[in-house]
Amino acid sequence: MTTPQRKDAARNGERIVSVARDLVDRGTPLQLNDVARRAGVGVATVYRHFATPEALLETVAAPGLEDLVAHGRQALAAADPWRGLADFLLRTVEAQVTDAALPPVAAAATDALPRTTELKESLASVGTALLARAREAAVVRPDLAAADLVPLVCGLAHAVNVRGGTPADRADSARRYLAALLDGLRATPPGA
């Protein structure tokens, strides 16, 4: 059984995450001493909450990962397997280009927090299930493997981020690039 956090400790944790979110959104690397100074707490307080900058970054990224997993599970209930897969990929690439915490956490080979590993595994599982549904419905190329989805989406997100622009510009570019990618992933109807 875990002991509930004191109210002041919980407020400090929330303030630390809020400061980290702001730094990540501005493209500033997370340094725990800097986060402590900006949050108005002692360095030891930050280290009590987050042993490493990676753990703090993963905490900042967790709500985005949770949202993607939930969206993927909803997409599995879609009547149209192609639409479910396409909507999930769109939501994933939009998140990658609008939430600066997601790309480094998604690309990390190891995770600082068990919750991050759990979320990434859930996300991969739902993506695999969506692709399997689309493959069974013969609406996606048969040579597309589940292992191809993450590199394709990450590559597309990287291309959007290289192009740059405002978050709205990047989201618009992501939708256009994904539409082109989806055209290439769709199974060619027989006789076409």
C-alpha atoms as a PDB file:
ATOM      1  CA  MET A   1       0.000   0.000   0.000  1.00  0.00           C
ATOM      2  CA  THR A   2       1.383   3.420  -0.920  1.00  0.00           C
ATOM      3  CA  THR A   3       1.237   6.314   1.479  1.00  0.00           C
ATOM      4  CA  PRO A   4      -0.628   9.351   0.108  1.00  0.00           C
ATOM      5  CA  GLN A   5       1.547  12.393  -0.560  1.00  0.00           C
ATOM      6  CA  ARG A   6       1.274  15.377   1.723  1.00  0.00           C
ATOM      7  CA  LYS A   7      -0.554  18.287   0.111  1.00  0.00           C
ATOM      8  CA  ASP A   8       2.572  20.449  -0.037  1.00  0.00           C
ATOM      9  CA  ALA A   9       4.584  17.625  -1.600  1.00  0.00           C
ATOM     10  CA  ALA A  10       1.834  17.067  -4.179  1.00  0.00           C
ATOM     11  CA  ARG A  11       1.767  20.810  -4.985  1.00  0.00           C
ATOM     12  CA  ASN A  12       5.551  20.823  -5.373  1.00  0.00           C
ATOM     13  CA  GLY A  13       5.347  17.847  -7.728  1.00  0.00           C
ATOM     14  CA  GLU A  14       2.670  19.568  -9.806  1.00  0.00           C
ATOM     15  CA  ARG A  15       4.696  22.788  -9.930  1.00  0.00           C
ATOM     16  CA  ILE A  16       7.817  20.885 -11.007  1.00  0.00           C
ATOM     17  CA  VAL A  17       5.919  19.132 -13.814  1.00  0.00           C
ATOM     18  CA  SER A  18       4.334  22.429 -14.895  1.00  0.00           C
ATOM     19  CA  VAL A  19       7.733  24.131 -15.113  1.00  0.00           C
ATOM     20  CA  ALA A  20       9.145  21.131 -16.987  1.00  0.00           C
ATOM     21  CA  ARG A  21       6.200  21.199 -19.429  1.00  0.00           C
ATOM     22  CA  ASP A  22       6.896  24.867 -20.145  1.00  0.00           C
ATOM     23  CA  LEU A  23      10.625  24.220 -20.690  1.00  0.00           C
ATOM     24  CA  VAL A  24       9.949  21.267 -23.001  1.00  0.00           C
ATOM     25  CA  ASP A  25       7.426  23.306 -24.986  1.00  0.00           C
ATOM     26  CA  ARG A  26      10.063  26.018 -25.461  1.00  0.00           C
ATOM     27  CA  GLY A  27      12.681  23.483 -26.561  1.00  0.00           C
ATOM     28  CA  THR A  28      14.830  23.969 -23.470  1.00  0.00           C
ATOM     29  CA  PRO A  29      16.625  20.809 -22.271  1.00  0.00           C
ATOM     30  CA  LEU A  30      15.519  19.658 -18.824  1.00  0.00           C
ATOM     31  CA  GLN A  31      18.153  20.155 -16.159  1.00  0.00           C
ATOM     32  CA  LEU A  32      16.876  19.357 -12.693  1.00  0.00           C
ATOM     33  CA  ASN A  33      18.767  22.238 -11.030  1.00  0.00           C
ATOM     34  CA  ASP A  34      17.217  24.687 -13.504  1.00  0.00           C
ATOM     35  CA  VAL A  35      13.753  23.185 -12.960  1.00  0.00           C
ATOM     36  CA  ALA A  36      14.175  23.561  -9.178  1.00  0.00           C
ATOM     37  CA  ARG A  37      15.170  27.207  -9.492  1.00  0.00           C
ATOM     38  CA  ARG A  38      12.267  28.027 -11.832  1.00  0.00           C
ATOM     39  CA  ALA A  39       9.764  26.098  -9.687  1.00  0.00           C
ATOM     40  CA  GLY A  40      10.939  27.855  -6.542  1.00  0.00           C
ATOM     41  CA  VAL A  41      11.806  24.636  -4.727  1.00  0.00           C
ATOM     42  CA  GLY A  42      15.033  23.097  -3.507  1.00  0.00           C
ATOM     43  CA  VAL A  43      17.051  20.824  -5.744  1.00  0.00           C
ATOM     44  CA  ALA A  44      16.550  17.983  -3.255  1.00  0.00           C
ATOM     45  CA  THR A  45      12.780  18.392  -3.658  1.00  0.00           C
ATOM     46  CA  VAL A  46      13.060  17.907  -7.401  1.00  0.00           C
ATOM     47  CA  TYR A  47      15.307  14.864  -6.953  1.00  0.00           C
ATOM     48  CA  ARG A  48      12.863  13.371  -4.424  1.00  0.00           C
ATOM     49  CA  HIS A  49      10.144  13.531  -7.067  1.00  0.00           C
ATOM     50  CA  PHE A  50      12.263  12.743 -10.151  1.00  0.00           C
ATOM     51  CA  ALA A  51      15.578  10.928  -9.939  1.00  0.00           C
ATOM     52  CA  THR A  52      16.601  11.899 -13.482  1.00  0.00           C
ATOM     53  CA  PRO A  53      15.673  14.405 -16.184  1.00  0.00           C
ATOM     54  CA  GLU A  54      14.405  11.421 -18.213  1.00  0.00           C
ATOM     55  CA  ALA A  55      11.948  10.500 -15.457  1.00  0.00           C
ATOM     56  CA  LEU A  56      10.667  14.075 -15.414  1.00  0.00           C
ATOM     57  CA  LEU A  57      10.374  14.174 -19.213  1.00  0.00           C
ATOM     58  CA  GLU A  58       8.466  10.888 -19.190  1.00  0.00           C
ATOM     59  CA  THR A  59       6.098  12.308 -16.569  1.00  0.00           C
ATOM     60  CA  VAL A  60       5.497  15.328 -18.810  1.00  0.00           C
ATOM     61  CA  ALA A  61       4.828  13.017 -21.770  1.00  0.00           C
ATOM     62  CA  ALA A  62       2.568  10.568 -19.885  1.00  0.00           C
ATOM     63  CA  PRO A  63      -0.757  12.386 -20.458  1.00  0.00           C
ATOM     64  CA  GLY A  64      -0.078  12.480 -24.207  1.00  0.00           C
ATOM     65  CA  LEU A  65       0.753   8.776 -24.257  1.00  0.00           C
ATOM     66  CA  GLU A  66      -2.352   7.989 -22.209  1.00  0.00           C
ATOM     67  CA  ASP A  67      -4.487   9.967 -24.655  1.00  0.00           C
ATOM     68  CA  LEU A  68      -3.029   8.085 -27.624  1.00  0.00           C
ATOM     69  CA  VAL A  69      -3.657   4.711 -26.004  1.00  0.00           C
ATOM     70  CA  ALA A  70      -7.262   5.690 -25.210  1.00  0.00           C
ATOM     71  CA  HIS A  71      -7.782   6.967 -28.755  1.00  0.00           C
ATOM     72  CA  GLY A  72      -6.347   3.748 -30.165  1.00  0.00           C
ATOM     73  CA  ARG A  73      -8.721   1.662 -28.090  1.00  0.00           C
ATOM     74  CA  GLN A  74     -11.641   3.756 -29.372  1.00  0.00           C
ATOM     75  CA  ALA A  75     -10.372   3.311 -32.935  1.00  0.00           C
ATOM     76  CA  LEU A  76     -10.515  -0.467 -32.457  1.00  0.00           C
ATOM     77  CA  ALA A  77     -14.291  -0.097 -32.031  1.00  0.00           C
ATOM     78  CA  ALA A  78     -14.685   1.776 -35.328  1.00  0.00           C
ATOM     79  CA  ALA A  79     -16.927  -0.024 -37.791  1.00  0.00           C
ATOM     80  CA  ASP A  80     -14.532   0.719 -40.673  1.00  0.00           C
ATOM     81  CA  PRO A  81     -11.091  -0.874 -40.084  1.00  0.00           C
ATOM     82  CA  TRP A  82      -9.387   1.497 -42.547  1.00  0.00           C
ATOM     83  CA  ARG A  83     -10.906   4.565 -40.869  1.00  0.00           C
ATOM     84  CA  GLY A  84      -9.908   3.267 -37.437  1.00  0.00           C
ATOM     85  CA  LEU A  85      -6.279   2.787 -38.506  1.00  0.00           C
ATOM     86  CA  ALA A  86      -6.126   6.086 -40.401  1.00  0.00           C
ATOM     87  CA  ASP A  87      -7.654   8.060 -37.492  1.00  0.00           C
ATOM     88  CA  PHE A  88      -5.234   6.471 -35.038  1.00  0.00           C
ATOM     89  CA  LEU A  89      -2.221   7.249 -37.233  1.00  0.00           C
ATOM     90  CA  LEU A  90      -3.437  10.822 -37.700  1.00  0.00           C
ATOM     91  CA  ARG A  91      -3.867  11.341 -33.960  1.00  0.00           C
ATOM     92  CA  THR A  92      -0.436   9.820 -33.354  1.00  0.00           C
ATOM     93  CA  VAL A  93       1.411  11.990 -35.864  1.00  0.00           C
ATOM     94  CA  GLU A  94      -0.425  15.136 -34.733  1.00  0.00           C
ATOM     95  CA  ALA A  95       0.608  14.384 -31.148  1.00  0.00           C
ATOM     96  CA  GLN A  96       4.201  13.827 -32.252  1.00  0.00           C
ATOM     97  CA  VAL A  97       4.376  17.255 -33.919  1.00  0.00           C
ATOM     98  CA  THR A  98       2.443  19.257 -31.306  1.00  0.00           C
ATOM     99  CA  ASP A  99       3.729  17.754 -28.032  1.00  0.00           C
ATOM    100  CA  ALA A 100       7.484  18.249 -27.764  1.00  0.00           C
ATOM    101  CA  ALA A 101       7.741  15.687 -24.949  1.00  0.00           C
ATOM    102  CA  LEU A 102       6.510  12.773 -27.058  1.00  0.00           C
ATOM    103  CA  PRO A 103       9.227  12.331 -29.740  1.00  0.00           C
ATOM    104  CA  PRO A 104      12.190  11.872 -27.375  1.00  0.00           C
ATOM    105  CA  VAL A 105      10.195   9.613 -25.053  1.00  0.00           C
ATOM    106  CA  ALA A 106       8.848   7.536 -27.947  1.00  0.00           C
ATOM    107  CA  ALA A 107      12.336   7.224 -29.460  1.00  0.00           C
ATOM    108  CA  ALA A 108      14.127   6.298 -26.221  1.00  0.00           C
ATOM    109  CA  ALA A 109      15.445   2.739 -26.221  1.00  0.00           C
ATOM    110  CA  THR A 110      15.021   2.477 -22.450  1.00  0.00           C
ATOM    111  CA  ASP A 111      12.558   4.084 -20.085  1.00  0.00           C
ATOM    112  CA  ALA A 112      13.181   5.621 -16.683  1.00  0.00           C
ATOM    113  CA  LEU A 113       9.680   4.826 -15.408  1.00  0.00           C
ATOM    114  CA  PRO A 114       7.781   1.525 -15.555  1.00  0.00           C
ATOM    115  CA  ARG A 115       4.595   3.470 -16.417  1.00  0.00           C
ATOM    116  CA  THR A 116       6.256   4.766 -19.589  1.00  0.00           C
ATOM    117  CA  THR A 117       7.162   1.245 -20.666  1.00  0.00           C
ATOM    118  CA  GLU A 118       3.589   0.129 -19.984  1.00  0.00           C
ATOM    119  CA  LEU A 119       2.137   2.998 -22.033  1.00  0.00           C
ATOM    120  CA  LYS A 120       4.517   2.446 -24.947  1.00  0.00           C
ATOM    121  CA  GLU A 121       3.716  -1.279 -24.975  1.00  0.00           C
ATOM    122  CA  SER A 122      -0.027  -0.511 -24.901  1.00  0.00           C
ATOM    123  CA  LEU A 123       0.387   1.933 -27.771  1.00  0.00           C
ATOM    124  CA  ALA A 124       2.303  -0.640 -29.838  1.00  0.00           C
ATOM    125  CA  SER A 125      -0.287  -3.288 -29.036  1.00  0.00           C
ATOM    126  CA  VAL A 126      -3.222  -1.152 -30.119  1.00  0.00           C
ATOM    127  CA  GLY A 127      -1.391  -0.142 -33.312  1.00  0.00           C
ATOM    128  CA  THR A 128      -0.708  -3.795 -34.082  1.00  0.00           C
ATOM    129  CA  ALA A 129      -4.365  -4.692 -33.479  1.00  0.00           C
ATOM    130  CA  LEU A 130      -5.579  -1.851 -35.719  1.00  0.00           C
ATOM    131  CA  LEU A 131      -3.248  -2.955 -38.497  1.00  0.00           C
ATOM    132  CA  ALA A 132      -4.361  -6.578 -38.112  1.00  0.00           C
ATOM    133  CA  ARG A 133      -8.017  -5.510 -38.443  1.00  0.00           C
ATOM    134  CA  ALA A 134      -7.208  -3.506 -41.566  1.00  0.00           C
ATOM    135  CA  ARG A 135      -5.213  -6.396 -43.017  1.00  0.00           C
ATOM    136  CA  GLU A 136      -8.060  -8.865 -42.316  1.00  0.00           C
ATOM    137  CA  ALA A 137     -10.445  -6.500 -44.120  1.00  0.00           C
ATOM    138  CA  ALA A 138      -7.969  -6.377 -47.035  1.00  0.00           C
ATOM    139  CA  VAL A 139      -7.907  -2.560 -46.958  1.00  0.00           C
ATOM    140  CA  VAL A 140      -4.173  -2.193 -46.298  1.00  0.00           C
ATOM    141  CA  ARG A 141      -1.172  -3.449 -48.229  1.00  0.00           C
ATOM    142  CA  PRO A 142      -0.438  -7.037 -47.195  1.00  0.00           C
ATOM    143  CA  ASP A 143       3.314  -6.368 -47.010  1.00  0.00           C
ATOM    144  CA  LEU A 144       2.939  -3.689 -44.311  1.00  0.00           C
ATOM    145  CA  ALA A 145       4.162  -5.061 -40.977  1.00  0.00           C
ATOM    146  CA  ALA A 146       3.280  -3.786 -37.522  1.00  0.00           C
ATOM    147  CA  ALA A 147       6.980  -3.029 -36.983  1.00  0.00           C
ATOM    148  CA  ASP A 148       6.744  -0.565 -39.911  1.00  0.00           C
ATOM    149  CA  LEU A 149       4.173   1.704 -38.234  1.00  0.00           C
ATOM    150  CA  VAL A 150       6.405   3.393 -35.649  1.00  0.00           C
ATOM    151  CA  PRO A 151       9.255   4.218 -38.078  1.00  0.00           C
ATOM    152  CA  LEU A 152       6.758   5.511 -40.662  1.00  0.00           C
ATOM    153  CA  VAL A 153       4.951   7.762 -38.187  1.00  0.00           C
ATOM    154  CA  CYS A 154       8.184   8.937 -36.540  1.00  0.00           C
ATOM    155  CA  GLY A 155       9.742   9.641 -39.948  1.00  0.00           C
ATOM    156  CA  LEU A 156       6.706  11.608 -41.002  1.00  0.00           C
ATOM    157  CA  ALA A 157       6.756  13.580 -37.721  1.00  0.00           C
ATOM    158  CA  HIS A 158      10.474  14.276 -38.195  1.00  0.00           C
ATOM    159  CA  ALA A 159       9.827  15.578 -41.720  1.00  0.00           C
ATOM    160  CA  VAL A 160       7.103  17.872 -40.386  1.00  0.00           C
ATOM    161  CA  ASN A 161       9.344  19.174 -37.598  1.00  0.00           C
ATOM    162  CA  VAL A 162      12.204  19.808 -40.027  1.00  0.00           C
ATOM    163  CA  ARG A 163       9.796  21.837 -42.154  1.00  0.00           C
ATOM    164  CA  GLY A 164       8.931  23.847 -39.024  1.00  0.00           C
ATOM    165  CA  GLY A 165       6.308  26.495 -38.530  1.00  0.00           C
ATOM    166  CA  THR A 166       3.790  27.151 -35.806  1.00  0.00           C
ATOM    167  CA  PRO A 167       2.094  24.235 -34.032  1.00  0.00           C
ATOM    168  CA  ALA A 168      -0.957  24.784 -36.273  1.00  0.00           C
ATOM    169  CA  ASP A 169       1.276  24.793 -39.396  1.00  0.00           C
ATOM    170  CA  ARG A 170       2.968  21.586 -38.244  1.00  0.00           C
ATOM    171  CA  ALA A 171      -0.392  19.894 -37.567  1.00  0.00           C
ATOM    172  CA  ASP A 172      -1.602  20.909 -41.048  1.00  0.00           C
ATOM    173  CA  SER A 173       1.598  19.579 -42.652  1.00  0.00           C
ATOM    174  CA  ALA A 174       1.218  16.358 -40.661  1.00  0.00           C
ATOM    175  CA  ARG A 175      -2.300  15.836 -42.024  1.00  0.00           C
ATOM    176  CA  ARG A 176      -1.123  16.420 -45.617  1.00  0.00           C
ATOM    177  CA  TYR A 177       1.922  14.180 -45.292  1.00  0.00           C
ATOM    178  CA  LEU A 178      -0.119  11.461 -43.613  1.00  0.00           C
ATOM    179  CA  ALA A 179      -2.760  11.604 -46.369  1.00  0.00           C
ATOM    180  CA  ALA A 180       0.009  10.935 -48.912  1.00  0.00           C
ATOM    181  CA  LEU A 181       1.415   8.116 -46.787  1.00  0.00           C
ATOM    182  CA  LEU A 182      -2.033   6.551 -46.322  1.00  0.00           C
ATOM    183  CA  ASP A 183      -2.587   6.572 -50.076  1.00  0.00           C
ATOM    184  CA  GLY A 184       0.538   4.432 -50.351  1.00  0.00           C
ATOM    185  CA  LEU A 185      -0.553   2.084 -47.565  1.00  0.00           C
ATOM    186  CA  ARG A 186      -4.042   1.407 -48.865  1.00  0.00           C
ATOM    187  CA  ALA A 187      -4.497  -1.903 -50.618  1.00  0.00           C
ATOM    188  CA  THR A 188      -5.035  -1.592 -54.335  1.00  0.00           C
ATOM    189  CA  PRO A 189      -8.520  -2.891 -55.141  1.00  0.00           C
ATOM    190  CA  PRO A 190      -8.474  -5.924 -57.420  1.00  0.00           C
ATOM    191  CA  GLY A 191      -8.638  -4.921 -61.085  1.00  0.00           C
ATOM    192  CA  ALA A 192      -7.550  -1.322 -60.399  1.00  0.00           C
END
